[in-house]
PDB file of N, CA and C in Angstrom:
ATOM      1  N   UNK A   1       2.100  38.431 -35.433  1.00  0.00           N
ATOM      2  CA  UNK A   1       0.842  37.784 -35.794  1.00  0.00           C
ATOM      3  C   UNK A   1       0.975  36.335 -35.511  1.00  0.00           C
ATOM      4  N   UNK A   2      -0.061  35.803 -34.933  1.00  0.00           N
ATOM      5  CA  UNK A   2      -0.136  34.348 -34.681  1.00  0.00           C
ATOM      6  C   UNK A   2      -0.719  33.635 -35.847  1.00  0.00           C
ATOM      7  N   UNK A   3      -0.059  32.505 -36.163  1.00  0.00           N
ATOM      8  CA  UNK A   3      -0.607  31.677 -37.238  1.00  0.00           C
ATOM      9  C   UNK A   3      -1.682  30.700 -36.692  1.00  0.00           C
ATOM     10  N   UNK A   4      -2.420  30.123 -37.508  1.00  0.00           N
ATOM     11  CA  UNK A   4      -3.466  29.175 -37.053  1.00  0.00           C
ATOM     12  C   UNK A   4      -2.861  27.976 -36.396  1.00  0.00           C
ATOM     13  N   UNK A   5      -1.654  27.552 -36.889  1.00  0.00           N
ATOM     14  CA  UNK A   5      -1.019  26.415 -36.222  1.00  0.00           C
ATOM     15  C   UNK A   5      -0.452  26.797 -34.833  1.00  0.00           C
ATOM     16  N   UNK A   6      -0.069  27.971 -34.703  1.00  0.00           N
ATOM     17  CA  UNK A   6       0.438  28.462 -33.345  1.00  0.00           C
ATOM     18  C   UNK A   6      -0.743  28.521 -32.335  1.00  0.00           C
ATOM     19  N   UNK A   7      -1.838  28.919 -32.807  1.00  0.00           N
ATOM     20  CA  UNK A   7      -3.006  28.985 -31.933  1.00  0.00           C
ATOM     21  C   UNK A   7      -3.548  27.576 -31.583  1.00  0.00           C
ATOM     22  N   UNK A   8      -3.528  26.733 -32.608  1.00  0.00           N
ATOM     23  CA  UNK A   8      -3.930  25.331 -32.419  1.00  0.00           C
ATOM     24  C   UNK A   8      -2.973  24.639 -31.398  1.00  0.00           C
ATOM     25  N   UNK A   9      -1.699  24.872 -31.572  1.00  0.00           N
ATOM     26  CA  UNK A   9      -0.751  24.252 -30.682  1.00  0.00           C
ATOM     27  C   UNK A   9      -0.912  24.804 -29.238  1.00  0.00           C
ATOM     28  N   UNK A  10      -1.178  26.062 -29.045  1.00  0.00           N
ATOM     29  CA  UNK A  10      -1.377  26.700 -27.792  1.00  0.00           C
ATOM     30  C   UNK A  10      -2.635  26.109 -27.111  1.00  0.00           C
ATOM     31  N   UNK A  11      -3.731  25.985 -27.924  1.00  0.00           N
ATOM     32  CA  UNK A  11      -4.947  25.390 -27.403  1.00  0.00           C
ATOM     33  C   UNK A  11      -4.798  23.935 -26.970  1.00  0.00           C
ATOM     34  N   UNK A  12      -4.075  23.092 -27.843  1.00  0.00           N
ATOM     35  CA  UNK A  12      -3.880  21.719 -27.525  1.00  0.00           C
ATOM     36  C   UNK A  12      -2.997  21.576 -26.232  1.00  0.00           C
ATOM     37  N   UNK A  13      -1.986  22.434 -26.139  1.00  0.00           N
ATOM     38  CA  UNK A  13      -1.091  22.399 -24.980  1.00  0.00           C
ATOM     39  C   UNK A  13      -1.839  22.770 -23.732  1.00  0.00           C
ATOM     40  N   UNK A  14      -2.731  23.762 -23.796  1.00  0.00           N
ATOM     41  CA  UNK A  14      -3.577  24.161 -22.615  1.00  0.00           C
ATOM     42  C   UNK A  14      -4.582  23.027 -22.279  1.00  0.00           C
ATOM     43  N   UNK A  15      -5.187  22.411 -23.267  1.00  0.00           N
ATOM     44  CA  UNK A  15      -6.109  21.355 -23.041  1.00  0.00           C
ATOM     45  C   UNK A  15      -5.404  20.145 -22.382  1.00  0.00           C
ATOM     46  N   UNK A  16      -4.286  19.781 -22.915  1.00  0.00           N
ATOM     47  CA  UNK A  16      -3.515  18.638 -22.334  1.00  0.00           C
ATOM     48  C   UNK A  16      -3.096  18.946 -20.890  1.00  0.00           C
ATOM     49  N   UNK A  17      -2.693  20.212 -20.661  1.00  0.00           N
ATOM     50  CA  UNK A  17      -2.346  20.607 -19.224  1.00  0.00           C
ATOM     51  C   UNK A  17      -3.539  20.533 -18.339  1.00  0.00           C
ATOM     52  N   UNK A  18      -4.731  20.890 -18.797  1.00  0.00           N
ATOM     53  CA  UNK A  18      -5.902  20.826 -17.931  1.00  0.00           C
ATOM     54  C   UNK A  18      -6.283  19.387 -17.687  1.00  0.00           C
ATOM     55  N   UNK A  19      -6.133  18.510 -18.671  1.00  0.00           N
ATOM     56  CA  UNK A  19      -6.435  17.097 -18.516  1.00  0.00           C
ATOM     57  C   UNK A  19      -5.465  16.490 -17.497  1.00  0.00           C
ATOM     58  N   UNK A  20      -4.208  16.910 -17.593  1.00  0.00           N
ATOM     59  CA  UNK A  20      -3.213  16.349 -16.575  1.00  0.00           C
ATOM     60  C   UNK A  20      -3.534  16.842 -15.202  1.00  0.00           C
ATOM     61  N   UNK A  21      -3.923  18.111 -15.114  1.00  0.00           N
ATOM     62  CA  UNK A  21      -4.249  18.605 -13.762  1.00  0.00           C
ATOM     63  C   UNK A  21      -5.492  17.942 -13.176  1.00  0.00           C
ATOM     64  N   UNK A  22      -6.497  17.687 -14.049  1.00  0.00           N
ATOM     65  CA  UNK A  22      -7.716  16.987 -13.552  1.00  0.00           C
ATOM     66  C   UNK A  22      -7.443  15.621 -13.158  1.00  0.00           C
ATOM     67  N   UNK A  23      -6.563  14.886 -13.939  1.00  0.00           N
ATOM     68  CA  UNK A  23      -6.176  13.542 -13.549  1.00  0.00           C
ATOM     69  C   UNK A  23      -5.382  13.519 -12.186  1.00  0.00           C
ATOM     70  N   UNK A  24      -4.464  14.534 -12.044  1.00  0.00           N
ATOM     71  CA  UNK A  24      -3.783  14.639 -10.767  1.00  0.00           C
ATOM     72  C   UNK A  24      -4.702  14.799  -9.595  1.00  0.00           C
ATOM     73  N   UNK A  25      -5.665  15.697  -9.746  1.00  0.00           N
ATOM     74  CA  UNK A  25      -6.650  15.957  -8.634  1.00  0.00           C
ATOM     75  C   UNK A  25      -7.429  14.702  -8.322  1.00  0.00           C
ATOM     76  N   UNK A  26      -7.922  14.018  -9.401  1.00  0.00           N
ATOM     77  CA  UNK A  26      -8.648  12.778  -9.270  1.00  0.00           C
ATOM     78  C   UNK A  26      -7.945  11.714  -8.472  1.00  0.00           C
ATOM     79  N   UNK A  27      -6.624  11.503  -8.919  1.00  0.00           N
ATOM     80  CA  UNK A  27      -5.845  10.502  -8.173  1.00  0.00           C
ATOM     81  C   UNK A  27      -5.500  10.894  -6.799  1.00  0.00           C
ATOM     82  N   UNK A  28      -5.267  12.141  -6.532  1.00  0.00           N
ATOM     83  CA  UNK A  28      -5.015  12.619  -5.145  1.00  0.00           C
ATOM     84  C   UNK A  28      -6.194  12.425  -4.321  1.00  0.00           C
ATOM     85  N   UNK A  29      -7.399  12.782  -4.745  1.00  0.00           N
ATOM     86  CA  UNK A  29      -8.613  12.574  -3.930  1.00  0.00           C
ATOM     87  C   UNK A  29      -8.869  11.089  -3.801  1.00  0.00           C
ATOM     88  N   UNK A  30      -8.705  10.328  -4.819  1.00  0.00           N
ATOM     89  CA  UNK A  30      -8.865   8.864  -4.690  1.00  0.00           C
ATOM     90  C   UNK A  30      -7.931   8.297  -3.630  1.00  0.00           C
ATOM     91  N   UNK A  31      -6.729   8.675  -3.613  1.00  0.00           N
ATOM     92  CA  UNK A  31      -5.737   8.201  -2.642  1.00  0.00           C
ATOM     93  C   UNK A  31      -6.149   8.632  -1.205  1.00  0.00           C
ATOM     94  N   UNK A  32      -6.498   9.899  -1.029  1.00  0.00           N
ATOM     95  CA  UNK A  32      -6.877  10.370   0.264  1.00  0.00           C
ATOM     96  C   UNK A  32      -8.136   9.812   0.784  1.00  0.00           C
ATOM     97  N   UNK A  33      -9.088   9.517  -0.127  1.00  0.00           N
ATOM     98  CA  UNK A  33     -10.404   9.011   0.315  1.00  0.00           C
ATOM     99  C   UNK A  33     -10.424   7.490   0.534  1.00  0.00           C
ATOM    100  N   UNK A  34      -9.822   6.756  -0.350  1.00  0.00           N
ATOM    101  CA  UNK A  34     -10.011   5.316  -0.328  1.00  0.00           C
ATOM    102  C   UNK A  34      -8.771   4.441   0.142  1.00  0.00           C
ATOM    103  N   UNK A  35      -7.632   5.066   0.173  1.00  0.00           N
ATOM    104  CA  UNK A  35      -6.448   4.302   0.572  1.00  0.00           C
ATOM    105  C   UNK A  35      -6.531   4.018   2.118  1.00  0.00           C
ATOM    106  N   UNK A  36      -6.309   2.788   2.501  1.00  0.00           N
ATOM    107  CA  UNK A  36      -6.398   2.469   3.953  1.00  0.00           C
ATOM    108  C   UNK A  36      -5.428   3.239   4.765  1.00  0.00           C
ATOM    109  N   UNK A  37      -5.722   3.634   5.949  1.00  0.00           N
ATOM    110  CA  UNK A  37      -4.945   4.512   6.816  1.00  0.00           C
ATOM    111  C   UNK A  37      -3.904   3.725   7.607  1.00  0.00           C
ATOM    112  N   UNK A  38      -3.957   2.456   7.542  1.00  0.00           N
ATOM    113  CA  UNK A  38      -2.976   1.616   8.252  1.00  0.00           C
ATOM    114  C   UNK A  38      -1.630   1.643   7.536  1.00  0.00           C
ATOM    115  N   UNK A  39      -0.618   1.826   8.329  1.00  0.00           N
ATOM    116  CA  UNK A  39       0.734   1.910   7.708  1.00  0.00           C
ATOM    117  C   UNK A  39       1.014   3.312   7.139  1.00  0.00           C
ATOM    118  N   UNK A  40       2.068   3.369   6.373  1.00  0.00           N
ATOM    119  CA  UNK A  40       2.503   4.660   5.843  1.00  0.00           C
ATOM    120  C   UNK A  40       2.226   4.815   4.391  1.00  0.00           C
ATOM    121  N   UNK A  41       1.566   3.859   3.694  1.00  0.00           N
ATOM    122  CA  UNK A  41       1.383   3.875   2.255  1.00  0.00           C
ATOM    123  C   UNK A  41       0.639   5.094   1.766  1.00  0.00           C
ATOM    124  N   UNK A  42      -0.430   5.476   2.482  1.00  0.00           N
ATOM    125  CA  UNK A  42      -1.245   6.623   2.078  1.00  0.00           C
ATOM    126  C   UNK A  42      -0.310   7.870   2.062  1.00  0.00           C
ATOM    127  N   UNK A  43       0.429   8.064   3.137  1.00  0.00           N
ATOM    128  CA  UNK A  43       1.336   9.267   3.230  1.00  0.00           C
ATOM    129  C   UNK A  43       2.377   9.207   2.117  1.00  0.00           C
ATOM    130  N   UNK A  44       2.918   8.076   1.902  1.00  0.00           N
ATOM    131  CA  UNK A  44       3.968   7.988   0.858  1.00  0.00           C
ATOM    132  C   UNK A  44       3.450   8.272  -0.508  1.00  0.00           C
ATOM    133  N   UNK A  45       2.208   7.682  -0.851  1.00  0.00           N
ATOM    134  CA  UNK A  45       1.643   7.970  -2.134  1.00  0.00           C
ATOM    135  C   UNK A  45       1.260   9.432  -2.330  1.00  0.00           C
ATOM    136  N   UNK A  46       0.733  10.097  -1.284  1.00  0.00           N
ATOM    137  CA  UNK A  46       0.358  11.427  -1.340  1.00  0.00           C
ATOM    138  C   UNK A  46       1.641  12.273  -1.576  1.00  0.00           C
ATOM    139  N   UNK A  47       2.689  12.032  -0.927  1.00  0.00           N
ATOM    140  CA  UNK A  47       3.918  12.779  -1.079  1.00  0.00           C
ATOM    141  C   UNK A  47       4.484  12.598  -2.460  1.00  0.00           C
ATOM    142  N   UNK A  48       4.440  11.369  -2.946  1.00  0.00           N
ATOM    143  CA  UNK A  48       4.903  11.102  -4.340  1.00  0.00           C
ATOM    144  C   UNK A  48       4.079  11.938  -5.330  1.00  0.00           C
ATOM    145  N   UNK A  49       2.800  12.042  -5.130  1.00  0.00           N
ATOM    146  CA  UNK A  49       1.931  12.742  -6.070  1.00  0.00           C
ATOM    147  C   UNK A  49       2.061  14.201  -5.903  1.00  0.00           C
ATOM    148  N   UNK A  50       2.445  14.693  -4.746  1.00  0.00           N
ATOM    149  CA  UNK A  50       2.577  16.104  -4.618  1.00  0.00           C
ATOM    150  C   UNK A  50       3.838  16.555  -5.190  1.00  0.00           C
ATOM    151  N   UNK A  51       4.989  15.838  -5.004  1.00  0.00           N
ATOM    152  CA  UNK A  51       6.306  16.263  -5.455  1.00  0.00           C
ATOM    153  C   UNK A  51       6.581  15.867  -6.883  1.00  0.00           C
ATOM    154  N   UNK A  52       5.895  14.843  -7.427  1.00  0.00           N
ATOM    155  CA  UNK A  52       6.003  14.366  -8.800  1.00  0.00           C
ATOM    156  C   UNK A  52       4.659  14.223  -9.371  1.00  0.00           C
ATOM    157  N   UNK A  53       3.860  15.317  -9.637  1.00  0.00           N
ATOM    158  CA  UNK A  53       2.493  15.231  -9.945  1.00  0.00           C
ATOM    159  C   UNK A  53       2.144  14.246 -11.071  1.00  0.00           C
ATOM    160  N   UNK A  54       2.642  14.492 -12.260  1.00  0.00           N
ATOM    161  CA  UNK A  54       2.249  13.677 -13.410  1.00  0.00           C
ATOM    162  C   UNK A  54       2.779  12.216 -13.287  1.00  0.00           C
ATOM    163  N   UNK A  55       4.011  12.053 -12.920  1.00  0.00           N
ATOM    164  CA  UNK A  55       4.543  10.715 -12.873  1.00  0.00           C
ATOM    165  C   UNK A  55       3.949  10.047 -11.653  1.00  0.00           C
ATOM    166  N   UNK A  56       3.846  10.650 -10.506  1.00  0.00           N
ATOM    167  CA  UNK A  56       3.299  10.046  -9.302  1.00  0.00           C
ATOM    168  C   UNK A  56       1.799   9.637  -9.475  1.00  0.00           C
ATOM    169  N   UNK A  57       1.021  10.458 -10.088  1.00  0.00           N
ATOM    170  CA  UNK A  57      -0.364  10.116 -10.371  1.00  0.00           C
ATOM    171  C   UNK A  57      -0.459   8.939 -11.289  1.00  0.00           C
ATOM    172  N   UNK A  58       0.331   8.892 -12.365  1.00  0.00           N
ATOM    173  CA  UNK A  58       0.309   7.769 -13.303  1.00  0.00           C
ATOM    174  C   UNK A  58       0.736   6.507 -12.638  1.00  0.00           C
ATOM    175  N   UNK A  59       1.813   6.605 -11.850  1.00  0.00           N
ATOM    176  CA  UNK A  59       2.231   5.364 -11.107  1.00  0.00           C
ATOM    177  C   UNK A  59       1.207   4.859 -10.169  1.00  0.00           C
ATOM    178  N   UNK A  60       0.519   5.815  -9.460  1.00  0.00           N
ATOM    179  CA  UNK A  60      -0.534   5.399  -8.520  1.00  0.00           C
ATOM    180  C   UNK A  60      -1.667   4.672  -9.291  1.00  0.00           C
ATOM    181  N   UNK A  61      -2.021   5.252 -10.478  1.00  0.00           N
ATOM    182  CA  UNK A  61      -3.119   4.710 -11.247  1.00  0.00           C
ATOM    183  C   UNK A  61      -2.777   3.336 -11.761  1.00  0.00           C
ATOM    184  N   UNK A  62      -1.525   3.145 -12.172  1.00  0.00           N
ATOM    185  CA  UNK A  62      -1.165   1.835 -12.789  1.00  0.00           C
ATOM    186  C   UNK A  62      -0.780   0.822 -11.777  1.00  0.00           C
ATOM    187  N   UNK A  63      -0.066   1.191 -10.757  1.00  0.00           N
ATOM    188  CA  UNK A  63       0.517   0.248  -9.773  1.00  0.00           C
ATOM    189  C   UNK A  63      -0.331   0.016  -8.631  1.00  0.00           C
ATOM    190  N   UNK A  64      -0.745   1.064  -7.852  1.00  0.00           N
ATOM    191  CA  UNK A  64      -1.364   0.911  -6.580  1.00  0.00           C
ATOM    192  C   UNK A  64      -2.870   0.773  -6.620  1.00  0.00           C
ATOM    193  N   UNK A  65      -3.543   1.538  -7.414  1.00  0.00           N
ATOM    194  CA  UNK A  65      -5.012   1.561  -7.481  1.00  0.00           C
ATOM    195  C   UNK A  65      -5.560   0.225  -7.771  1.00  0.00           C
ATOM    196  N   UNK A  66      -5.138  -0.517  -8.823  1.00  0.00           N
ATOM    197  CA  UNK A  66      -5.757  -1.848  -9.083  1.00  0.00           C
ATOM    198  C   UNK A  66      -5.485  -2.822  -7.906  1.00  0.00           C
ATOM    199  N   UNK A  67      -4.331  -2.690  -7.259  1.00  0.00           N
ATOM    200  CA  UNK A  67      -4.036  -3.577  -6.141  1.00  0.00           C
ATOM    201  C   UNK A  67      -5.022  -3.241  -4.960  1.00  0.00           C
ATOM    202  N   UNK A  68      -5.256  -1.958  -4.654  1.00  0.00           N
ATOM    203  CA  UNK A  68      -6.084  -1.585  -3.615  1.00  0.00           C
ATOM    204  C   UNK A  68      -7.550  -2.006  -3.927  1.00  0.00           C
ATOM    205  N   UNK A  69      -8.077  -1.891  -5.175  1.00  0.00           N
ATOM    206  CA  UNK A  69      -9.368  -2.255  -5.540  1.00  0.00           C
ATOM    207  C   UNK A  69      -9.519  -3.759  -5.348  1.00  0.00           C
ATOM    208  N   UNK A  70      -8.501  -4.582  -5.630  1.00  0.00           N
ATOM    209  CA  UNK A  70      -8.579  -5.993  -5.375  1.00  0.00           C
ATOM    210  C   UNK A  70      -8.684  -6.348  -3.871  1.00  0.00           C
ATOM    211  N   UNK A  71      -7.976  -5.573  -3.039  1.00  0.00           N
ATOM    212  CA  UNK A  71      -7.914  -5.832  -1.613  1.00  0.00           C
ATOM    213  C   UNK A  71      -9.186  -5.390  -0.960  1.00  0.00           C
ATOM    214  N   UNK A  72      -9.615  -4.166  -1.255  1.00  0.00           N
ATOM    215  CA  UNK A  72     -10.686  -3.565  -0.491  1.00  0.00           C
ATOM    216  C   UNK A  72     -12.026  -3.483  -1.246  1.00  0.00           C
ATOM    217  N   UNK A  73     -11.962  -3.612  -2.604  1.00  0.00           N
ATOM    218  CA  UNK A  73     -13.210  -3.460  -3.388  1.00  0.00           C
ATOM    219  C   UNK A  73     -13.541  -2.073  -3.602  1.00  0.00           C
ATOM    220  N   UNK A  74     -12.740  -1.094  -3.299  1.00  0.00           N
ATOM    221  CA  UNK A  74     -13.039   0.335  -3.527  1.00  0.00           C
ATOM    222  C   UNK A  74     -12.078   0.915  -4.454  1.00  0.00           C
TER     223      UNK A  74
END
């Protein structure tokens, strides 16, 4: 028999996983759509996000995205 806390934990874990997945998709699309194609930065960031989804997406959001927005305005 499941306890209420077990069900709550399962629901919160599932919700957190879905949020992480949505964030990963958002950052991947952002990188593919707005990152300049000159050089290898776009390819490198996509590979980082594919092989290290949570960490790569978070790094892209914190490190590269603000820098790209300053440079290109997108």
